[in-house]
Structure formats: C-alpha cells, structure tokens
Amino acid sequence: TAANFAQAPFLVFNRKDDDQVQWVSKAFGVKAP
C-alpha cells in the first residue's frame, strides 16, 4: 500500500535500474519514491 511500500524491500539489478521506482510512482502517485 501507499502506507507501507517504503518499508518493503525491492530487488534492484543495479544503480542504473529504475523500473521499481517507475512502478511505485505509477501505483501510488508518488513522485521520486
């Protein structure tokens, strides 16, 4: 949820990878989560 996504670990390929940021931004309307 919007209340707990910041506490949930996301698996990232490397520091160039921003797919998870894009997904969370779309899912919860948060800019640069």
PDB file of all heavy atoms in Angstrom:
ATOM      1  N   THR A   1       0.834  -1.202   0.000  1.00  0.00           N
ATOM      2  CA  THR A   1       0.000   0.000   0.000  1.00  0.00           C
ATOM      3  C   THR A   1       0.867   1.250   0.000  1.00  0.00           C
ATOM      4  O   THR A   1       2.094   1.181   0.187  1.00  0.00           O
ATOM      5  CB  THR A   1      -0.913   0.034   1.238  1.00  0.00           C
ATOM      6  OG1 THR A   1      -0.101   0.213   2.415  1.00  0.00           O
ATOM      7  CG2 THR A   1      -1.710  -1.261   1.371  1.00  0.00           C
ATOM      8  N   ALA A   2       0.216   2.386  -0.153  1.00  0.00           N
ATOM      9  CA  ALA A   2       0.925   3.668  -0.091  1.00  0.00           C
ATOM     10  C   ALA A   2       1.538   3.892   1.284  1.00  0.00           C
ATOM     11  O   ALA A   2       2.507   4.638   1.428  1.00  0.00           O
ATOM     12  CB  ALA A   2      -0.027   4.809  -0.441  1.00  0.00           C
ATOM     13  N   ALA A   3       0.998   3.230   2.302  1.00  0.00           N
ATOM     14  CA  ALA A   3       1.496   3.425   3.665  1.00  0.00           C
ATOM     15  C   ALA A   3       2.704   2.565   3.993  1.00  0.00           C
ATOM     16  O   ALA A   3       3.460   2.891   4.908  1.00  0.00           O
ATOM     17  CB  ALA A   3       0.375   3.133   4.667  1.00  0.00           C
ATOM     18  N   ASN A   4       2.913   1.465   3.257  1.00  0.00           N
ATOM     19  CA  ASN A   4       3.991   0.556   3.655  1.00  0.00           C
ATOM     20  C   ASN A   4       5.030   0.271   2.578  1.00  0.00           C
ATOM     21  O   ASN A   4       5.986  -0.466   2.821  1.00  0.00           O
ATOM     22  CB  ASN A   4       3.407  -0.775   4.155  1.00  0.00           C
ATOM     23  CG  ASN A   4       2.671  -1.544   3.066  1.00  0.00           C
ATOM     24  OD1 ASN A   4       2.812  -1.277   1.876  1.00  0.00           O
ATOM     25  ND2 ASN A   4       1.867  -2.526   3.483  1.00  0.00           N
ATOM     26  N   PHE A   5       4.877   0.843   1.362  1.00  0.00           N
ATOM     27  CA  PHE A   5       5.824   0.475   0.302  1.00  0.00           C
ATOM     28  C   PHE A   5       7.261   0.871   0.644  1.00  0.00           C
ATOM     29  O   PHE A   5       8.215   0.226   0.226  1.00  0.00           O
ATOM     30  CB  PHE A   5       5.405   1.066  -1.050  1.00  0.00           C
ATOM     31  CG  PHE A   5       5.636   2.546  -1.197  1.00  0.00           C
ATOM     32  CD1 PHE A   5       6.895   3.066  -1.467  1.00  0.00           C
ATOM     33  CD2 PHE A   5       4.578   3.438  -1.080  1.00  0.00           C
ATOM     34  CE1 PHE A   5       7.109   4.428  -1.611  1.00  0.00           C
ATOM     35  CE2 PHE A   5       4.780   4.797  -1.229  1.00  0.00           C
ATOM     36  CZ  PHE A   5       6.042   5.303  -1.484  1.00  0.00           C
ATOM     37  N   ALA A   6       7.439   1.943   1.431  1.00  0.00           N
ATOM     38  CA  ALA A   6       8.793   2.390   1.769  1.00  0.00           C
ATOM     39  C   ALA A   6       9.499   1.433   2.713  1.00  0.00           C
ATOM     40  O   ALA A   6      10.729   1.446   2.807  1.00  0.00           O
ATOM     41  CB  ALA A   6       8.745   3.791   2.381  1.00  0.00           C
ATOM     42  N   GLN A   7       8.753   0.587   3.419  1.00  0.00           N
ATOM     43  CA  GLN A   7       9.357  -0.388   4.338  1.00  0.00           C
ATOM     44  C   GLN A   7       9.555  -1.752   3.681  1.00  0.00           C
ATOM     45  O   GLN A   7      10.185  -2.635   4.269  1.00  0.00           O
ATOM     46  CB  GLN A   7       8.481  -0.565   5.587  1.00  0.00           C
ATOM     47  CG  GLN A   7       8.513   0.600   6.563  1.00  0.00           C
ATOM     48  CD  GLN A   7       7.752   1.799   6.062  1.00  0.00           C
ATOM     49  OE1 GLN A   7       6.595   1.670   5.650  1.00  0.00           O
ATOM     50  NE2 GLN A   7       8.388   2.971   6.089  1.00  0.00           N
ATOM     51  N   ALA A   8       9.035  -1.943   2.485  1.00  0.00           N
ATOM     52  CA  ALA A   8       9.156  -3.232   1.794  1.00  0.00           C
ATOM     53  C   ALA A   8      10.413  -3.239   0.932  1.00  0.00           C
ATOM     54  O   ALA A   8      10.645  -2.306   0.161  1.00  0.00           O
ATOM     55  CB  ALA A   8       7.925  -3.473   0.922  1.00  0.00           C
ATOM     56  N   PRO A   9      11.248  -4.259   1.055  1.00  0.00           N
ATOM     57  CA  PRO A   9      12.470  -4.308   0.232  1.00  0.00           C
ATOM     58  C   PRO A   9      12.140  -4.606  -1.234  1.00  0.00           C
ATOM     59  O   PRO A   9      11.314  -5.469  -1.535  1.00  0.00           O
ATOM     60  CB  PRO A   9      13.275  -5.447   0.864  1.00  0.00           C
ATOM     61  CG  PRO A   9      12.262  -6.304   1.534  1.00  0.00           C
ATOM     62  CD  PRO A   9      11.174  -5.397   1.993  1.00  0.00           C
ATOM     63  N   PHE A  10      12.803  -3.890  -2.126  1.00  0.00           N
ATOM     64  CA  PHE A  10      12.691  -4.119  -3.562  1.00  0.00           C
ATOM     65  C   PHE A  10      14.040  -4.625  -4.076  1.00  0.00           C
ATOM     66  O   PHE A  10      15.100  -4.099  -3.697  1.00  0.00           O
ATOM     67  CB  PHE A  10      12.311  -2.833  -4.303  1.00  0.00           C
ATOM     68  CG  PHE A  10      10.856  -2.488  -4.215  1.00  0.00           C
ATOM     69  CD1 PHE A  10      10.335  -1.903  -3.062  1.00  0.00           C
ATOM     70  CD2 PHE A  10      10.007  -2.745  -5.279  1.00  0.00           C
ATOM     71  CE1 PHE A  10       8.989  -1.576  -2.980  1.00  0.00           C
ATOM     72  CE2 PHE A  10       8.660  -2.418  -5.205  1.00  0.00           C
ATOM     73  CZ  PHE A  10       8.144  -1.838  -4.053  1.00  0.00           C
ATOM     74  N   LEU A  11      13.999  -5.616  -4.941  1.00  0.00           N
ATOM     75  CA  LEU A  11      15.219  -6.165  -5.523  1.00  0.00           C
ATOM     76  C   LEU A  11      15.547  -5.410  -6.804  1.00  0.00           C
ATOM     77  O   LEU A  11      14.707  -5.324  -7.712  1.00  0.00           O
ATOM     78  CB  LEU A  11      15.056  -7.658  -5.802  1.00  0.00           C
ATOM     79  CG  LEU A  11      14.759  -8.496  -4.555  1.00  0.00           C
ATOM     80  CD1 LEU A  11      14.616  -9.962  -4.912  1.00  0.00           C
ATOM     81  CD2 LEU A  11      15.852  -8.320  -3.516  1.00  0.00           C
ATOM     82  N   VAL A  12      16.766  -4.885  -6.874  1.00  0.00           N
ATOM     83  CA  VAL A  12      17.176  -3.995  -7.949  1.00  0.00           C
ATOM     84  C   VAL A  12      18.389  -4.594  -8.641  1.00  0.00           C
ATOM     85  O   VAL A  12      19.279  -5.149  -7.989  1.00  0.00           O
ATOM     86  CB  VAL A  12      17.528  -2.597  -7.392  1.00  0.00           C
ATOM     87  CG1 VAL A  12      17.870  -1.636  -8.509  1.00  0.00           C
ATOM     88  CG2 VAL A  12      16.367  -2.058  -6.557  1.00  0.00           C
ATOM     89  N   PHE A  13      18.423  -4.478  -9.981  1.00  0.00           N
ATOM     90  CA  PHE A  13      19.545  -5.025 -10.744  1.00  0.00           C
ATOM     91  C   PHE A  13      20.838  -4.276 -10.444  1.00  0.00           C
ATOM     92  O   PHE A  13      21.845  -4.860 -10.074  1.00  0.00           O
ATOM     93  CB  PHE A  13      19.237  -4.965 -12.242  1.00  0.00           C
ATOM     94  CG  PHE A  13      20.284  -5.614 -13.105  1.00  0.00           C
ATOM     95  CD1 PHE A  13      20.265  -6.968 -13.332  1.00  0.00           C
ATOM     96  CD2 PHE A  13      21.285  -4.849 -13.690  1.00  0.00           C
ATOM     97  CE1 PHE A  13      21.232  -7.565 -14.118  1.00  0.00           C
ATOM     98  CE2 PHE A  13      22.254  -5.429 -14.478  1.00  0.00           C
ATOM     99  CZ  PHE A  13      22.232  -6.795 -14.690  1.00  0.00           C
ATOM    100  N   ASN A  14      20.836  -2.962 -10.608  1.00  0.00           N
ATOM    101  CA  ASN A  14      21.997  -2.123 -10.261  1.00  0.00           C
ATOM    102  C   ASN A  14      21.516  -0.685 -10.124  1.00  0.00           C
ATOM    103  O   ASN A  14      20.326  -0.400 -10.202  1.00  0.00           O
ATOM    104  CB  ASN A  14      23.124  -2.248 -11.293  1.00  0.00           C
ATOM    105  CG  ASN A  14      22.693  -1.824 -12.687  1.00  0.00           C
ATOM    106  OD1 ASN A  14      21.743  -1.067 -12.875  1.00  0.00           O
ATOM    107  ND2 ASN A  14      23.396  -2.309 -13.694  1.00  0.00           N
ATOM    108  N   ARG A  15      22.443   0.233  -9.932  1.00  0.00           N
ATOM    109  CA  ARG A  15      22.060   1.621  -9.666  1.00  0.00           C
ATOM    110  C   ARG A  15      21.537   2.349 -10.901  1.00  0.00           C
ATOM    111  O   ARG A  15      21.042   3.470 -10.794  1.00  0.00           O
ATOM    112  CB  ARG A  15      23.244   2.376  -9.040  1.00  0.00           C
ATOM    113  CG  ARG A  15      23.456   1.996  -7.576  1.00  0.00           C
ATOM    114  CD  ARG A  15      24.725   2.580  -6.978  1.00  0.00           C
ATOM    115  NE  ARG A  15      24.801   2.296  -5.555  1.00  0.00           N
ATOM    116  CZ  ARG A  15      25.160   1.121  -5.033  1.00  0.00           C
ATOM    117  NH1 ARG A  15      25.463   0.115  -5.842  1.00  0.00           N
ATOM    118  NH2 ARG A  15      25.184   0.956  -3.717  1.00  0.00           N
ATOM    119  N   LYS A  16      21.647   1.746 -12.063  1.00  0.00           N
ATOM    120  CA  LYS A  16      21.052   2.311 -13.263  1.00  0.00           C
ATOM    121  C   LYS A  16      19.583   1.906 -13.410  1.00  0.00           C
ATOM    122  O   LYS A  16      18.859   2.488 -14.212  1.00  0.00           O
ATOM    123  CB  LYS A  16      21.820   1.836 -14.502  1.00  0.00           C
ATOM    124  CG  LYS A  16      23.276   2.285 -14.562  1.00  0.00           C
ATOM    125  CD  LYS A  16      23.944   1.697 -15.790  1.00  0.00           C
ATOM    126  CE  LYS A  16      25.408   2.099 -15.880  1.00  0.00           C
ATOM    127  NZ  LYS A  16      26.084   1.491 -17.058  1.00  0.00           N
ATOM    128  N   ASP A  17      19.169   0.909 -12.668  1.00  0.00           N
ATOM    129  CA  ASP A  17      17.841   0.320 -12.800  1.00  0.00           C
ATOM    130  C   ASP A  17      16.817   1.168 -12.043  1.00  0.00           C
ATOM    131  O   ASP A  17      16.929   1.348 -10.833  1.00  0.00           O
ATOM    132  CB  ASP A  17      17.879  -1.107 -12.248  1.00  0.00           C
ATOM    133  CG  ASP A  17      16.543  -1.814 -12.328  1.00  0.00           C
ATOM    134  OD1 ASP A  17      15.650  -1.318 -13.022  1.00  0.00           O
ATOM    135  OD2 ASP A  17      16.411  -2.876 -11.695  1.00  0.00           O
ATOM    136  N   ASP A  18      15.810   1.666 -12.761  1.00  0.00           N
ATOM    137  CA  ASP A  18      14.782   2.467 -12.095  1.00  0.00           C
ATOM    138  C   ASP A  18      13.383   1.918 -12.343  1.00  0.00           C
ATOM    139  O   ASP A  18      12.384   2.615 -12.132  1.00  0.00           O
ATOM    140  CB  ASP A  18      14.856   3.926 -12.541  1.00  0.00           C
ATOM    141  CG  ASP A  18      14.478   4.124 -14.008  1.00  0.00           C
ATOM    142  OD1 ASP A  18      14.370   3.114 -14.750  1.00  0.00           O
ATOM    143  OD2 ASP A  18      14.282   5.279 -14.420  1.00  0.00           O
ATOM    144  N   ASP A  19      13.268   0.667 -12.776  1.00  0.00           N
ATOM    145  CA  ASP A  19      11.948   0.102 -13.066  1.00  0.00           C
ATOM    146  C   ASP A  19      11.058   0.066 -11.827  1.00  0.00           C
ATOM    147  O   ASP A  19       9.851   0.327 -11.904  1.00  0.00           O
ATOM    148  CB  ASP A  19      12.089  -1.308 -13.653  1.00  0.00           C
ATOM    149  CG  ASP A  19      12.728  -1.288 -15.027  1.00  0.00           C
ATOM    150  OD1 ASP A  19      12.360  -0.417 -15.835  1.00  0.00           O
ATOM    151  OD2 ASP A  19      13.596  -2.136 -15.293  1.00  0.00           O
ATOM    152  N   GLN A  20      11.646  -0.279 -10.672  1.00  0.00           N
ATOM    153  CA  GLN A  20      10.844  -0.352  -9.451  1.00  0.00           C
ATOM    154  C   GLN A  20      10.365   1.043  -9.024  1.00  0.00           C
ATOM    155  O   GLN A  20       9.243   1.197  -8.523  1.00  0.00           O
ATOM    156  CB  GLN A  20      11.626  -1.031  -8.308  1.00  0.00           C
ATOM    157  CG  GLN A  20      12.911  -0.368  -7.921  1.00  0.00           C
ATOM    158  CD  GLN A  20      14.014  -0.575  -8.960  1.00  0.00           C
ATOM    159  OE1 GLN A  20      14.018  -1.560  -9.675  1.00  0.00           O
ATOM    160  NE2 GLN A  20      14.941   0.373  -9.026  1.00  0.00           N
ATOM    161  N   VAL A  21      11.185   2.050  -9.227  1.00  0.00           N
ATOM    162  CA  VAL A  21      10.775   3.426  -8.921  1.00  0.00           C
ATOM    163  C   VAL A  21       9.615   3.842  -9.828  1.00  0.00           C
ATOM    164  O   VAL A  21       8.638   4.459  -9.384  1.00  0.00           O
ATOM    165  CB  VAL A  21      11.967   4.385  -9.067  1.00  0.00           C
ATOM    166  CG1 VAL A  21      11.518   5.840  -8.984  1.00  0.00           C
ATOM    167  CG2 VAL A  21      13.024   4.100  -8.001  1.00  0.00           C
ATOM    168  N   GLN A  22       9.742   3.490 -11.121  1.00  0.00           N
ATOM    169  CA  GLN A  22       8.668   3.805 -12.065  1.00  0.00           C
ATOM    170  C   GLN A  22       7.365   3.117 -11.655  1.00  0.00           C
ATOM    171  O   GLN A  22       6.285   3.729 -11.693  1.00  0.00           O
ATOM    172  CB  GLN A  22       9.085   3.333 -13.474  1.00  0.00           C
ATOM    173  CG  GLN A  22      10.286   4.045 -14.042  1.00  0.00           C
ATOM    174  CD  GLN A  22       9.890   5.117 -15.025  1.00  0.00           C
ATOM    175  OE1 GLN A  22       8.724   5.262 -15.363  1.00  0.00           O
ATOM    176  NE2 GLN A  22      10.864   5.875 -15.476  1.00  0.00           N
ATOM    177  N   TRP A  23       7.462   1.850 -11.244  1.00  0.00           N
ATOM    178  CA  TRP A  23       6.254   1.102 -10.907  1.00  0.00           C
ATOM    179  C   TRP A  23       5.575   1.689  -9.662  1.00  0.00           C
ATOM    180  O   TRP A  23       4.364   1.894  -9.638  1.00  0.00           O
ATOM    181  CB  TRP A  23       6.596  -0.374 -10.682  1.00  0.00           C
ATOM    182  CG  TRP A  23       5.387  -1.240 -10.527  1.00  0.00           C
ATOM    183  CD1 TRP A  23       4.708  -1.891 -11.515  1.00  0.00           C
ATOM    184  CD2 TRP A  23       4.696  -1.530  -9.303  1.00  0.00           C
ATOM    185  NE1 TRP A  23       3.635  -2.571 -10.994  1.00  0.00           N
ATOM    186  CE2 TRP A  23       3.598  -2.373  -9.632  1.00  0.00           C
ATOM    187  CE3 TRP A  23       4.891  -1.181  -7.975  1.00  0.00           C
ATOM    188  CZ2 TRP A  23       2.712  -2.850  -8.672  1.00  0.00           C
ATOM    189  CZ3 TRP A  23       4.008  -1.648  -7.006  1.00  0.00           C
ATOM    190  CH2 TRP A  23       2.940  -2.482  -7.357  1.00  0.00           C
ATOM    191  N   VAL A  24       6.363   1.956  -8.613  1.00  0.00           N
ATOM    192  CA  VAL A  24       5.793   2.514  -7.386  1.00  0.00           C
ATOM    193  C   VAL A  24       5.198   3.883  -7.649  1.00  0.00           C
ATOM    194  O   VAL A  24       4.121   4.228  -7.130  1.00  0.00           O
ATOM    195  CB  VAL A  24       6.873   2.573  -6.282  1.00  0.00           C
ATOM    196  CG1 VAL A  24       6.381   3.376  -5.083  1.00  0.00           C
ATOM    197  CG2 VAL A  24       7.269   1.168  -5.848  1.00  0.00           C
ATOM    198  N   SER A  25       5.856   4.675  -8.457  1.00  0.00           N
ATOM    199  CA  SER A  25       5.341   6.002  -8.785  1.00  0.00           C
ATOM    200  C   SER A  25       3.981   5.910  -9.458  1.00  0.00           C
ATOM    201  O   SER A  25       3.056   6.682  -9.144  1.00  0.00           O
ATOM    202  CB  SER A  25       6.336   6.735  -9.686  1.00  0.00           C
ATOM    203  OG  SER A  25       5.863   8.016 -10.038  1.00  0.00           O
ATOM    204  N   LYS A  26       3.831   4.943 -10.380  1.00  0.00           N
ATOM    205  CA  LYS A  26       2.553   4.772 -11.057  1.00  0.00           C
ATOM    206  C   LYS A  26       1.500   4.187 -10.119  1.00  0.00           C
ATOM    207  O   LYS A  26       0.331   4.569 -10.164  1.00  0.00           O
ATOM    208  CB  LYS A  26       2.742   3.861 -12.270  1.00  0.00           C
ATOM    209  CG  LYS A  26       3.558   4.464 -13.395  1.00  0.00           C
ATOM    210  CD  LYS A  26       3.749   3.459 -14.519  1.00  0.00           C
ATOM    211  CE  LYS A  26       4.629   4.059 -15.624  1.00  0.00           C
ATOM    212  NZ  LYS A  26       3.993   5.201 -16.289  1.00  0.00           N
ATOM    213  N   ALA A  27       1.929   3.249  -9.262  1.00  0.00           N
ATOM    214  CA  ALA A  27       0.973   2.557  -8.402  1.00  0.00           C
ATOM    215  C   ALA A  27       0.376   3.478  -7.346  1.00  0.00           C
ATOM    216  O   ALA A  27      -0.816   3.391  -7.031  1.00  0.00           O
ATOM    217  CB  ALA A  27       1.643   1.355  -7.740  1.00  0.00           C
ATOM    218  N   PHE A  28       1.191   4.387  -6.800  1.00  0.00           N
ATOM    219  CA  PHE A  28       0.739   5.170  -5.654  1.00  0.00           C
ATOM    220  C   PHE A  28       0.787   6.680  -5.883  1.00  0.00           C
ATOM    221  O   PHE A  28       0.550   7.462  -4.955  1.00  0.00           O
ATOM    222  CB  PHE A  28       1.570   4.802  -4.419  1.00  0.00           C
ATOM    223  CG  PHE A  28       1.531   3.326  -4.116  1.00  0.00           C
ATOM    224  CD1 PHE A  28       2.674   2.550  -4.218  1.00  0.00           C
ATOM    225  CD2 PHE A  28       0.352   2.710  -3.749  1.00  0.00           C
ATOM    226  CE1 PHE A  28       2.643   1.190  -3.957  1.00  0.00           C
ATOM    227  CE2 PHE A  28       0.303   1.345  -3.482  1.00  0.00           C
ATOM    228  CZ  PHE A  28       1.452   0.581  -3.588  1.00  0.00           C
ATOM    229  N   GLY A  29       1.122   7.088  -7.106  1.00  0.00           N
ATOM    230  CA  GLY A  29       1.117   8.512  -7.423  1.00  0.00           C
ATOM    231  C   GLY A  29       2.158   9.302  -6.659  1.00  0.00           C
ATOM    232  O   GLY A  29       1.953  10.484  -6.366  1.00  0.00           O
ATOM    233  N   VAL A  30       3.291   8.658  -6.341  1.00  0.00           N
ATOM    234  CA  VAL A  30       4.356   9.311  -5.581  1.00  0.00           C
ATOM    235  C   VAL A  30       5.491   9.674  -6.528  1.00  0.00           C
ATOM    236  O   VAL A  30       6.004   8.806  -7.243  1.00  0.00           O
ATOM    237  CB  VAL A  30       4.887   8.389  -4.464  1.00  0.00           C
ATOM    238  CG1 VAL A  30       6.002   9.078  -3.692  1.00  0.00           C
ATOM    239  CG2 VAL A  30       3.750   7.977  -3.536  1.00  0.00           C
ATOM    240  N   LYS A  31       5.892  10.915  -6.530  1.00  0.00           N
ATOM    241  CA  LYS A  31       6.984  11.350  -7.372  1.00  0.00           C
ATOM    242  C   LYS A  31       8.309  11.033  -6.693  1.00  0.00           C
ATOM    243  O   LYS A  31       8.514  11.358  -5.529  1.00  0.00           O
ATOM    244  CB  LYS A  31       6.876  12.851  -7.645  1.00  0.00           C
ATOM    245  CG  LYS A  31       7.917  13.367  -8.624  1.00  0.00           C
ATOM    246  CD  LYS A  31       7.706  14.848  -8.913  1.00  0.00           C
ATOM    247  CE  LYS A  31       8.739  15.360  -9.901  1.00  0.00           C
ATOM    248  NZ  LYS A  31       8.549  16.807 -10.192  1.00  0.00           N
ATOM    249  N   ALA A  32       9.216  10.367  -7.430  1.00  0.00           N
ATOM    250  CA  ALA A  32      10.544  10.004  -6.929  1.00  0.00           C
ATOM    251  C   ALA A  32      10.468   9.315  -5.567  1.00  0.00           C
ATOM    252  O   ALA A  32      11.028   9.799  -4.579  1.00  0.00           O
ATOM    253  CB  ALA A  32      11.447  11.239  -6.849  1.00  0.00           C
ATOM    254  N   PRO A  33       9.790   8.180  -5.472  1.00  0.00           N
ATOM    255  CA  PRO A  33       9.680   7.495  -4.179  1.00  0.00           C
ATOM    256  C   PRO A  33      11.031   6.986  -3.693  1.00  0.00           C
ATOM    257  O   PRO A  33      11.883   6.582  -4.490  1.00  0.00           O
ATOM    258  CB  PRO A  33       8.730   6.334  -4.484  1.00  0.00           C
ATOM    259  CG  PRO A  33       8.880   6.091  -5.953  1.00  0.00           C
ATOM    260  CD  PRO A  33       9.118   7.430  -6.557  1.00  0.00           C
TER     261      PRO A  33
END
